[in-house]
Amino acid sequence: MKIVVLDRKSLGLDVSIDPLNQYGEVTAYMTTKNEEVSGRVKDADVVVVNKNLMNAAALDGAENVKLICETATGFDNIDLNYCRERGITACN
């Protein structure tokens, strides 16, 4: 399983993401611009996100994404209707 952390810096560097390694191959980016999202998640199964937009433009080419983990409260950066249509679960 491929796990992509899009904005590692926003979690705080004192928070370890090492436990994610037990679930698969983890790629963590310190920051990601919205225009970089689609390229970074195209092969991902799981996306860990805080501020980046998760919408059709970001996810259309990401055929394997099944889970988006929001590290903040709320889902205002995630298009939940689009995710439902695609069968992608979003949680925080």
PDB file of N, CA and C in Angstrom:
ATOM      1  N   MET A   1       0.849  -1.171   0.000  1.00  0.00           N
ATOM      2  CA  MET A   1       0.000   0.000   0.000  1.00  0.00           C
ATOM      3  C   MET A   1       0.893   1.233   0.000  1.00  0.00           C
ATOM      4  N   LYS A   2       0.511   2.226  -0.784  1.00  0.00           N
ATOM      5  CA  LYS A   2       1.263   3.473  -0.863  1.00  0.00           C
ATOM      6  C   LYS A   2       0.508   4.575  -0.127  1.00  0.00           C
ATOM      7  N   ILE A   3       1.196   5.181   0.826  1.00  0.00           N
ATOM      8  CA  ILE A   3       0.640   6.245   1.656  1.00  0.00           C
ATOM      9  C   ILE A   3       1.402   7.521   1.357  1.00  0.00           C
ATOM     10  N   VAL A   4       0.677   8.591   1.048  1.00  0.00           N
ATOM     11  CA  VAL A   4       1.306   9.869   0.754  1.00  0.00           C
ATOM     12  C   VAL A   4       0.849  10.897   1.778  1.00  0.00           C
ATOM     13  N   VAL A   5       1.814  11.516   2.434  1.00  0.00           N
ATOM     14  CA  VAL A   5       1.560  12.610   3.373  1.00  0.00           C
ATOM     15  C   VAL A   5       1.913  13.890   2.631  1.00  0.00           C
ATOM     16  N   LEU A   6       0.913  14.727   2.367  1.00  0.00           N
ATOM     17  CA  LEU A   6       1.117  15.889   1.513  1.00  0.00           C
ATOM     18  C   LEU A   6       1.725  17.105   2.206  1.00  0.00           C
ATOM     19  N   ASP A   7       1.435  17.285   3.466  1.00  0.00           N
ATOM     20  CA  ASP A   7       1.924  18.498   4.134  1.00  0.00           C
ATOM     21  C   ASP A   7       2.426  18.160   5.530  1.00  0.00           C
ATOM     22  N   ARG A   8       3.513  17.409   5.547  1.00  0.00           N
ATOM     23  CA  ARG A   8       4.116  16.916   6.778  1.00  0.00           C
ATOM     24  C   ARG A   8       4.397  18.039   7.764  1.00  0.00           C
ATOM     25  N   LYS A   9       4.840  19.176   7.268  1.00  0.00           N
ATOM     26  CA  LYS A   9       5.217  20.297   8.133  1.00  0.00           C
ATOM     27  C   LYS A   9       4.047  20.777   8.987  1.00  0.00           C
ATOM     28  N   SER A  10       2.828  20.719   8.453  1.00  0.00           N
ATOM     29  CA  SER A  10       1.670  21.215   9.192  1.00  0.00           C
ATOM     30  C   SER A  10       1.304  20.335  10.380  1.00  0.00           C
ATOM     31  N   LEU A  11       1.789  19.101  10.400  1.00  0.00           N
ATOM     32  CA  LEU A  11       1.522  18.214  11.537  1.00  0.00           C
ATOM     33  C   LEU A  11       2.353  18.595  12.755  1.00  0.00           C
ATOM     34  N   GLY A  12       3.457  19.253  12.508  1.00  0.00           N
ATOM     35  CA  GLY A  12       4.422  19.527  13.563  1.00  0.00           C
ATOM     36  C   GLY A  12       5.501  18.472  13.509  1.00  0.00           C
ATOM     37  N   LEU A  13       6.719  18.892  13.476  1.00  0.00           N
ATOM     38  CA  LEU A  13       7.820  17.943  13.329  1.00  0.00           C
ATOM     39  C   LEU A  13       8.037  17.105  14.580  1.00  0.00           C
ATOM     40  N   ASP A  14       7.392  17.489  15.681  1.00  0.00           N
ATOM     41  CA  ASP A  14       7.488  16.691  16.902  1.00  0.00           C
ATOM     42  C   ASP A  14       6.516  15.509  16.890  1.00  0.00           C
ATOM     43  N   VAL A  15       5.641  15.448  15.889  1.00  0.00           N
ATOM     44  CA  VAL A  15       4.690  14.345  15.751  1.00  0.00           C
ATOM     45  C   VAL A  15       5.286  13.319  14.794  1.00  0.00           C
ATOM     46  N   SER A  16       5.453  12.101  15.261  1.00  0.00           N
ATOM     47  CA  SER A  16       6.056  11.057  14.447  1.00  0.00           C
ATOM     48  C   SER A  16       5.031  10.467  13.476  1.00  0.00           C
ATOM     49  N   ILE A  17       5.456  10.280  12.235  1.00  0.00           N
ATOM     50  CA  ILE A  17       4.619   9.560  11.277  1.00  0.00           C
ATOM     51  C   ILE A  17       5.161   8.148  11.053  1.00  0.00           C
ATOM     52  N   ASP A  18       6.173   7.777  11.812  1.00  0.00           N
ATOM     53  CA  ASP A  18       6.774   6.451  11.683  1.00  0.00           C
ATOM     54  C   ASP A  18       5.771   5.309  11.827  1.00  0.00           C
ATOM     55  N   PRO A  19       4.763   5.405  12.693  1.00  0.00           N
ATOM     56  CA  PRO A  19       3.801   4.302  12.793  1.00  0.00           C
ATOM     57  C   PRO A  19       3.086   3.984  11.470  1.00  0.00           C
ATOM     58  N   LEU A  20       3.026   4.933  10.549  1.00  0.00           N
ATOM     59  CA  LEU A  20       2.392   4.663   9.254  1.00  0.00           C
ATOM     60  C   LEU A  20       3.149   3.610   8.456  1.00  0.00           C
ATOM     61  N   ASN A  21       4.437   3.476   8.721  1.00  0.00           N
ATOM     62  CA  ASN A  21       5.263   2.519   7.979  1.00  0.00           C
ATOM     63  C   ASN A  21       4.772   1.078   8.108  1.00  0.00           C
ATOM     64  N   GLN A  22       4.080   0.760   9.188  1.00  0.00           N
ATOM     65  CA  GLN A  22       3.586  -0.600   9.354  1.00  0.00           C
ATOM     66  C   GLN A  22       2.452  -0.926   8.380  1.00  0.00           C
ATOM     67  N   TYR A  23       1.886   0.096   7.743  1.00  0.00           N
ATOM     68  CA  TYR A  23       0.771  -0.111   6.825  1.00  0.00           C
ATOM     69  C   TYR A  23       1.187  -0.083   5.361  1.00  0.00           C
ATOM     70  N   GLY A  24       2.400   0.363   5.089  1.00  0.00           N
ATOM     71  CA  GLY A  24       2.842   0.392   3.698  1.00  0.00           C
ATOM     72  C   GLY A  24       3.995   1.344   3.480  1.00  0.00           C
ATOM     73  N   GLU A  25       4.232   1.627   2.217  1.00  0.00           N
ATOM     74  CA  GLU A  25       5.306   2.516   1.786  1.00  0.00           C
ATOM     75  C   GLU A  25       4.845   3.960   1.953  1.00  0.00           C
ATOM     76  N   VAL A  26       5.565   4.716   2.761  1.00  0.00           N
ATOM     77  CA  VAL A  26       5.179   6.094   3.081  1.00  0.00           C
ATOM     78  C   VAL A  26       6.099   7.072   2.357  1.00  0.00           C
ATOM     79  N   THR A  27       5.466   8.032   1.670  1.00  0.00           N
ATOM     80  CA  THR A  27       6.187   9.150   1.077  1.00  0.00           C
ATOM     81  C   THR A  27       5.635  10.413   1.712  1.00  0.00           C
ATOM     82  N   ALA A  28       6.507  11.188   2.333  1.00  0.00           N
ATOM     83  CA  ALA A  28       6.060  12.404   3.021  1.00  0.00           C
ATOM     84  C   ALA A  28       6.713  13.628   2.384  1.00  0.00           C
ATOM     85  N   TYR A  29       5.890  14.596   2.067  1.00  0.00           N
ATOM     86  CA  TYR A  29       6.343  15.876   1.542  1.00  0.00           C
ATOM     87  C   TYR A  29       6.171  16.927   2.626  1.00  0.00           C
ATOM     88  N   MET A  30       7.175  17.750   2.824  1.00  0.00           N
ATOM     89  CA  MET A  30       7.077  18.784   3.859  1.00  0.00           C
ATOM     90  C   MET A  30       5.936  19.735   3.570  1.00  0.00           C
ATOM     91  N   THR A  31       5.825  20.185   2.341  1.00  0.00           N
ATOM     92  CA  THR A  31       4.709  21.023   1.903  1.00  0.00           C
ATOM     93  C   THR A  31       4.352  20.623   0.479  1.00  0.00           C
ATOM     94  N   THR A  32       3.128  20.902   0.100  1.00  0.00           N
ATOM     95  CA  THR A  32       2.666  20.623  -1.255  1.00  0.00           C
ATOM     96  C   THR A  32       1.763  21.758  -1.705  1.00  0.00           C
ATOM     97  N   LYS A  33       2.047  22.311  -2.863  1.00  0.00           N
ATOM     98  CA  LYS A  33       1.161  23.308  -3.459  1.00  0.00           C
ATOM     99  C   LYS A  33      -0.005  22.576  -4.095  1.00  0.00           C
ATOM    100  N   ASN A  34      -1.175  23.219  -4.138  1.00  0.00           N
ATOM    101  CA  ASN A  34      -2.351  22.563  -4.705  1.00  0.00           C
ATOM    102  C   ASN A  34      -2.114  22.064  -6.126  1.00  0.00           C
ATOM    103  N   GLU A  35      -1.332  22.781  -6.905  1.00  0.00           N
ATOM    104  CA  GLU A  35      -1.074  22.349  -8.279  1.00  0.00           C
ATOM    105  C   GLU A  35      -0.138  21.141  -8.353  1.00  0.00           C
ATOM    106  N   GLU A  36       0.478  20.755  -7.258  1.00  0.00           N
ATOM    107  CA  GLU A  36       1.356  19.583  -7.204  1.00  0.00           C
ATOM    108  C   GLU A  36       0.632  18.321  -6.732  1.00  0.00           C
ATOM    109  N   VAL A  37      -0.565  18.477  -6.175  1.00  0.00           N
ATOM    110  CA  VAL A  37      -1.258  17.353  -5.539  1.00  0.00           C
ATOM    111  C   VAL A  37      -1.478  16.193  -6.493  1.00  0.00           C
ATOM    112  N   SER A  38      -2.042  16.432  -7.655  1.00  0.00           N
ATOM    113  CA  SER A  38      -2.399  15.325  -8.557  1.00  0.00           C
ATOM    114  C   SER A  38      -1.180  14.466  -8.913  1.00  0.00           C
ATOM    115  N   GLY A  39      -0.044  15.085  -9.137  1.00  0.00           N
ATOM    116  CA  GLY A  39       1.159  14.322  -9.440  1.00  0.00           C
ATOM    117  C   GLY A  39       1.663  13.510  -8.265  1.00  0.00           C
ATOM    118  N   ARG A  40       1.467  14.017  -7.081  1.00  0.00           N
ATOM    119  CA  ARG A  40       1.973  13.337  -5.881  1.00  0.00           C
ATOM    120  C   ARG A  40       1.068  12.213  -5.396  1.00  0.00           C
ATOM    121  N   VAL A  41      -0.210  12.261  -5.718  1.00  0.00           N
ATOM    122  CA  VAL A  41      -1.138  11.230  -5.236  1.00  0.00           C
ATOM    123  C   VAL A  41      -1.531  10.220  -6.306  1.00  0.00           C
ATOM    124  N   LYS A  42      -1.014  10.355  -7.522  1.00  0.00           N
ATOM    125  CA  LYS A  42      -1.476   9.521  -8.633  1.00  0.00           C
ATOM    126  C   LYS A  42      -1.329   8.024  -8.385  1.00  0.00           C
ATOM    127  N   ASP A  43      -0.337   7.600  -7.609  1.00  0.00           N
ATOM    128  CA  ASP A  43      -0.139   6.177  -7.324  1.00  0.00           C
ATOM    129  C   ASP A  43      -0.505   5.800  -5.888  1.00  0.00           C
ATOM    130  N   ALA A  44      -1.077   6.733  -5.150  1.00  0.00           N
ATOM    131  CA  ALA A  44      -1.357   6.507  -3.725  1.00  0.00           C
ATOM    132  C   ALA A  44      -2.612   5.672  -3.511  1.00  0.00           C
ATOM    133  N   ASP A  45      -2.607   4.941  -2.414  1.00  0.00           N
ATOM    134  CA  ASP A  45      -3.800   4.247  -1.922  1.00  0.00           C
ATOM    135  C   ASP A  45      -4.445   5.065  -0.813  1.00  0.00           C
ATOM    136  N   VAL A  46      -3.605   5.730  -0.015  1.00  0.00           N
ATOM    137  CA  VAL A  46      -4.048   6.546   1.117  1.00  0.00           C
ATOM    138  C   VAL A  46      -3.360   7.903   1.021  1.00  0.00           C
ATOM    139  N   VAL A  47      -4.137   8.960   1.261  1.00  0.00           N
ATOM    140  CA  VAL A  47      -3.591  10.311   1.272  1.00  0.00           C
ATOM    141  C   VAL A  47      -3.827  10.907   2.657  1.00  0.00           C
ATOM    142  N   VAL A  48      -2.769  11.415   3.263  1.00  0.00           N
ATOM    143  CA  VAL A  48      -2.857  12.113   4.544  1.00  0.00           C
ATOM    144  C   VAL A  48      -2.681  13.599   4.224  1.00  0.00           C
ATOM    145  N   VAL A  49      -3.675  14.394   4.608  1.00  0.00           N
ATOM    146  CA  VAL A  49      -3.718  15.782   4.171  1.00  0.00           C
ATOM    147  C   VAL A  49      -4.185  16.685   5.304  1.00  0.00           C
ATOM    148  N   ASN A  50      -3.806  17.947   5.233  1.00  0.00           N
ATOM    149  CA  ASN A  50      -4.298  18.932   6.179  1.00  0.00           C
ATOM    150  C   ASN A  50      -4.950  20.083   5.438  1.00  0.00           C
ATOM    151  N   LYS A  51      -4.232  20.736   4.558  1.00  0.00           N
ATOM    152  CA  LYS A  51      -4.729  21.954   3.939  1.00  0.00           C
ATOM    153  C   LYS A  51      -4.977  21.854   2.438  1.00  0.00           C
ATOM    154  N   ASN A  52      -4.393  20.896   1.773  1.00  0.00           N
ATOM    155  CA  ASN A  52      -4.537  20.805   0.326  1.00  0.00           C
ATOM    156  C   ASN A  52      -5.944  20.436  -0.099  1.00  0.00           C
ATOM    157  N   LEU A  53      -6.339  20.933  -1.266  1.00  0.00           N
ATOM    158  CA  LEU A  53      -7.649  20.619  -1.818  1.00  0.00           C
ATOM    159  C   LEU A  53      -7.674  19.187  -2.332  1.00  0.00           C
ATOM    160  N   MET A  54      -8.696  18.462  -1.941  1.00  0.00           N
ATOM    161  CA  MET A  54      -8.930  17.108  -2.420  1.00  0.00           C
ATOM    162  C   MET A  54     -10.238  17.142  -3.209  1.00  0.00           C
ATOM    163  N   ASN A  55     -10.126  17.376  -4.507  1.00  0.00           N
ATOM    164  CA  ASN A  55     -11.292  17.504  -5.372  1.00  0.00           C
ATOM    165  C   ASN A  55     -11.014  16.754  -6.666  1.00  0.00           C
ATOM    166  N   ALA A  56     -11.910  16.886  -7.642  1.00  0.00           N
ATOM    167  CA  ALA A  56     -11.754  16.160  -8.905  1.00  0.00           C
ATOM    168  C   ALA A  56     -10.426  16.484  -9.579  1.00  0.00           C
ATOM    169  N   ALA A  57     -10.035  17.733  -9.594  1.00  0.00           N
ATOM    170  CA  ALA A  57      -8.782  18.119 -10.244  1.00  0.00           C
ATOM    171  C   ALA A  57      -7.582  17.421  -9.598  1.00  0.00           C
ATOM    172  N   ALA A  58      -7.626  17.257  -8.304  1.00  0.00           N
ATOM    173  CA  ALA A  58      -6.516  16.634  -7.577  1.00  0.00           C
ATOM    174  C   ALA A  58      -6.543  15.112  -7.654  1.00  0.00           C
ATOM    175  N   LEU A  59      -7.734  14.525  -7.758  1.00  0.00           N
ATOM    176  CA  LEU A  59      -7.880  13.080  -7.607  1.00  0.00           C
ATOM    177  C   LEU A  59      -8.243  12.311  -8.875  1.00  0.00           C
ATOM    178  N   ASP A  60      -8.549  12.982  -9.962  1.00  0.00           N
ATOM    179  CA  ASP A  60      -8.994  12.288 -11.178  1.00  0.00           C
ATOM    180  C   ASP A  60      -8.028  11.206 -11.656  1.00  0.00           C
ATOM    181  N   GLY A  61      -6.754  11.444 -11.628  1.00  0.00           N
ATOM    182  CA  GLY A  61      -5.798  10.453 -12.098  1.00  0.00           C
ATOM    183  C   GLY A  61      -5.355   9.470 -11.037  1.00  0.00           C
ATOM    184  N   ALA A  62      -5.855   9.623  -9.845  1.00  0.00           N
ATOM    185  CA  ALA A  62      -5.445   8.780  -8.713  1.00  0.00           C
ATOM    186  C   ALA A  62      -6.435   7.632  -8.548  1.00  0.00           C
ATOM    187  N   GLU A  63      -6.307   6.646  -9.409  1.00  0.00           N
ATOM    188  CA  GLU A  63      -7.277   5.541  -9.462  1.00  0.00           C
ATOM    189  C   GLU A  63      -7.260   4.639  -8.235  1.00  0.00           C
ATOM    190  N   ASN A  64      -6.170   4.613  -7.489  1.00  0.00           N
ATOM    191  CA  ASN A  64      -6.047   3.689  -6.355  1.00  0.00           C
ATOM    192  C   ASN A  64      -6.475   4.275  -5.018  1.00  0.00           C
ATOM    193  N   VAL A  65      -6.694   5.577  -4.959  1.00  0.00           N
ATOM    194  CA  VAL A  65      -7.009   6.205  -3.669  1.00  0.00           C
ATOM    195  C   VAL A  65      -8.334   5.661  -3.126  1.00  0.00           C
ATOM    196  N   LYS A  66      -8.263   5.146  -1.907  1.00  0.00           N
ATOM    197  CA  LYS A  66      -9.443   4.605  -1.227  1.00  0.00           C
ATOM    198  C   LYS A  66      -9.723   5.319   0.089  1.00  0.00           C
ATOM    199  N   LEU A  67      -8.716   6.075   0.601  1.00  0.00           N
ATOM    200  CA  LEU A  67      -8.864   6.713   1.901  1.00  0.00           C
ATOM    201  C   LEU A  67      -8.111   8.035   1.916  1.00  0.00           C
ATOM    202  N   ILE A  68      -8.791   9.072   2.399  1.00  0.00           N
ATOM    203  CA  ILE A  68      -8.160  10.359   2.659  1.00  0.00           C
ATOM    204  C   ILE A  68      -8.273  10.608   4.156  1.00  0.00           C
ATOM    205  N   CYS A  69      -7.136  10.778   4.806  1.00  0.00           N
ATOM    206  CA  CYS A  69      -7.091  11.049   6.240  1.00  0.00           C
ATOM    207  C   CYS A  69      -6.819  12.532   6.445  1.00  0.00           C
ATOM    208  N   GLU A  70      -7.781  13.239   6.942  1.00  0.00           N
ATOM    209  CA  GLU A  70      -7.672  14.671   7.229  1.00  0.00           C
ATOM    210  C   GLU A  70      -7.081  14.821   8.615  1.00  0.00           C
ATOM    211  N   THR A  71      -6.001  15.568   8.735  1.00  0.00           N
ATOM    212  CA  THR A  71      -5.333  15.712  10.027  1.00  0.00           C
ATOM    213  C   THR A  71      -5.836  16.900  10.830  1.00  0.00           C
ATOM    214  N   ALA A  72      -6.850  17.556  10.336  1.00  0.00           N
ATOM    215  CA  ALA A  72      -7.435  18.700  11.036  1.00  0.00           C
ATOM    216  C   ALA A  72      -8.924  18.426  11.266  1.00  0.00           C
ATOM    217  N   THR A  73      -9.570  19.347  11.938  1.00  0.00           N
ATOM    218  CA  THR A  73     -11.018  19.213  12.102  1.00  0.00           C
ATOM    219  C   THR A  73     -11.707  19.725  10.852  1.00  0.00           C
ATOM    220  N   GLY A  74     -12.831  19.156  10.531  1.00  0.00           N
ATOM    221  CA  GLY A  74     -13.589  19.597   9.365  1.00  0.00           C
ATOM    222  C   GLY A  74     -13.071  18.996   8.077  1.00  0.00           C
ATOM    223  N   PHE A  75     -13.866  19.188   7.018  1.00  0.00           N
ATOM    224  CA  PHE A  75     -13.550  18.631   5.710  1.00  0.00           C
ATOM    225  C   PHE A  75     -13.707  19.671   4.611  1.00  0.00           C
ATOM    226  N   ASP A  76     -13.543  20.947   4.927  1.00  0.00           N
ATOM    227  CA  ASP A  76     -13.820  21.981   3.937  1.00  0.00           C
ATOM    228  C   ASP A  76     -12.859  21.958   2.752  1.00  0.00           C
ATOM    229  N   ASN A  77     -11.752  21.261   2.840  1.00  0.00           N
ATOM    230  CA  ASN A  77     -10.824  21.136   1.720  1.00  0.00           C
ATOM    231  C   ASN A  77     -11.056  19.860   0.906  1.00  0.00           C
ATOM    232  N   ILE A  78     -12.009  19.035   1.323  1.00  0.00           N
ATOM    233  CA  ILE A  78     -12.301  17.769   0.645  1.00  0.00           C
ATOM    234  C   ILE A  78     -13.682  17.822   0.007  1.00  0.00           C
ATOM    235  N   ASP A  79     -13.746  17.512  -1.276  1.00  0.00           N
ATOM    236  CA  ASP A  79     -15.025  17.438  -1.978  1.00  0.00           C
ATOM    237  C   ASP A  79     -15.657  16.081  -1.641  1.00  0.00           C
ATOM    238  N   LEU A  80     -16.485  16.073  -0.603  1.00  0.00           N
ATOM    239  CA  LEU A  80     -17.058  14.826  -0.103  1.00  0.00           C
ATOM    240  C   LEU A  80     -17.992  14.177  -1.114  1.00  0.00           C
ATOM    241  N   ASN A  81     -18.723  14.963  -1.890  1.00  0.00           N
ATOM    242  CA  ASN A  81     -19.600  14.387  -2.919  1.00  0.00           C
ATOM    243  C   ASN A  81     -18.786  13.644  -3.966  1.00  0.00           C
ATOM    244  N   TYR A  82     -17.715  14.244  -4.416  1.00  0.00           N
ATOM    245  CA  TYR A  82     -16.838  13.585  -5.385  1.00  0.00           C
ATOM    246  C   TYR A  82     -16.267  12.303  -4.787  1.00  0.00           C
ATOM    247  N   CYS A  83     -15.826  12.363  -3.543  1.00  0.00           N
ATOM    248  CA  CYS A  83     -15.273  11.177  -2.891  1.00  0.00           C
ATOM    249  C   CYS A  83     -16.311  10.063  -2.784  1.00  0.00           C
ATOM    250  N   ARG A  84     -17.543  10.403  -2.441  1.00  0.00           N
ATOM    251  CA  ARG A  84     -18.601   9.387  -2.368  1.00  0.00           C
ATOM    252  C   ARG A  84     -18.809   8.720  -3.725  1.00  0.00           C
ATOM    253  N   GLU A  85     -18.841   9.517  -4.778  1.00  0.00           N
ATOM    254  CA  GLU A  85     -19.017   8.986  -6.137  1.00  0.00           C
ATOM    255  C   GLU A  85     -17.895   8.023  -6.502  1.00  0.00           C
ATOM    256  N   ARG A  86     -16.694   8.310  -6.044  1.00  0.00           N
ATOM    257  CA  ARG A  86     -15.520   7.484  -6.359  1.00  0.00           C
ATOM    258  C   ARG A  86     -15.310   6.341  -5.370  1.00  0.00           C
ATOM    259  N   GLY A  87     -16.084   6.300  -4.279  1.00  0.00           N
ATOM    260  CA  GLY A  87     -15.895   5.263  -3.274  1.00  0.00           C
ATOM    261  C   GLY A  87     -14.692   5.513  -2.396  1.00  0.00           C
ATOM    262  N   ILE A  88     -14.320   6.773  -2.252  1.00  0.00           N
ATOM    263  CA  ILE A  88     -13.179   7.147  -1.406  1.00  0.00           C
ATOM    264  C   ILE A  88     -13.708   7.562  -0.033  1.00  0.00           C
ATOM    265  N   THR A  89     -13.204   6.938   1.005  1.00  0.00           N
ATOM    266  CA  THR A  89     -13.571   7.290   2.378  1.00  0.00           C
ATOM    267  C   THR A  89     -12.714   8.451   2.842  1.00  0.00           C
ATOM    268  N   ALA A  90     -13.340   9.400   3.526  1.00  0.00           N
ATOM    269  CA  ALA A  90     -12.615  10.515   4.127  1.00  0.00           C
ATOM    270  C   ALA A  90     -12.883  10.499   5.626  1.00  0.00           C
ATOM    271  N   CYS A  91     -11.812  10.648   6.404  1.00  0.00           N
ATOM    272  CA  CYS A  91     -11.968  10.670   7.864  1.00  0.00           C
ATOM    273  C   CYS A  91     -10.965  11.649   8.454  1.00  0.00           C
ATOM    274  N   ASN A  92     -11.204  12.013   9.702  1.00  0.00           N
ATOM    275  CA  ASN A  92     -10.222  12.845  10.412  1.00  0.00           C
ATOM    276  C   ASN A  92     -10.054  12.321  11.814  1.00  0.00           C
TER     277      ASN A  92
END
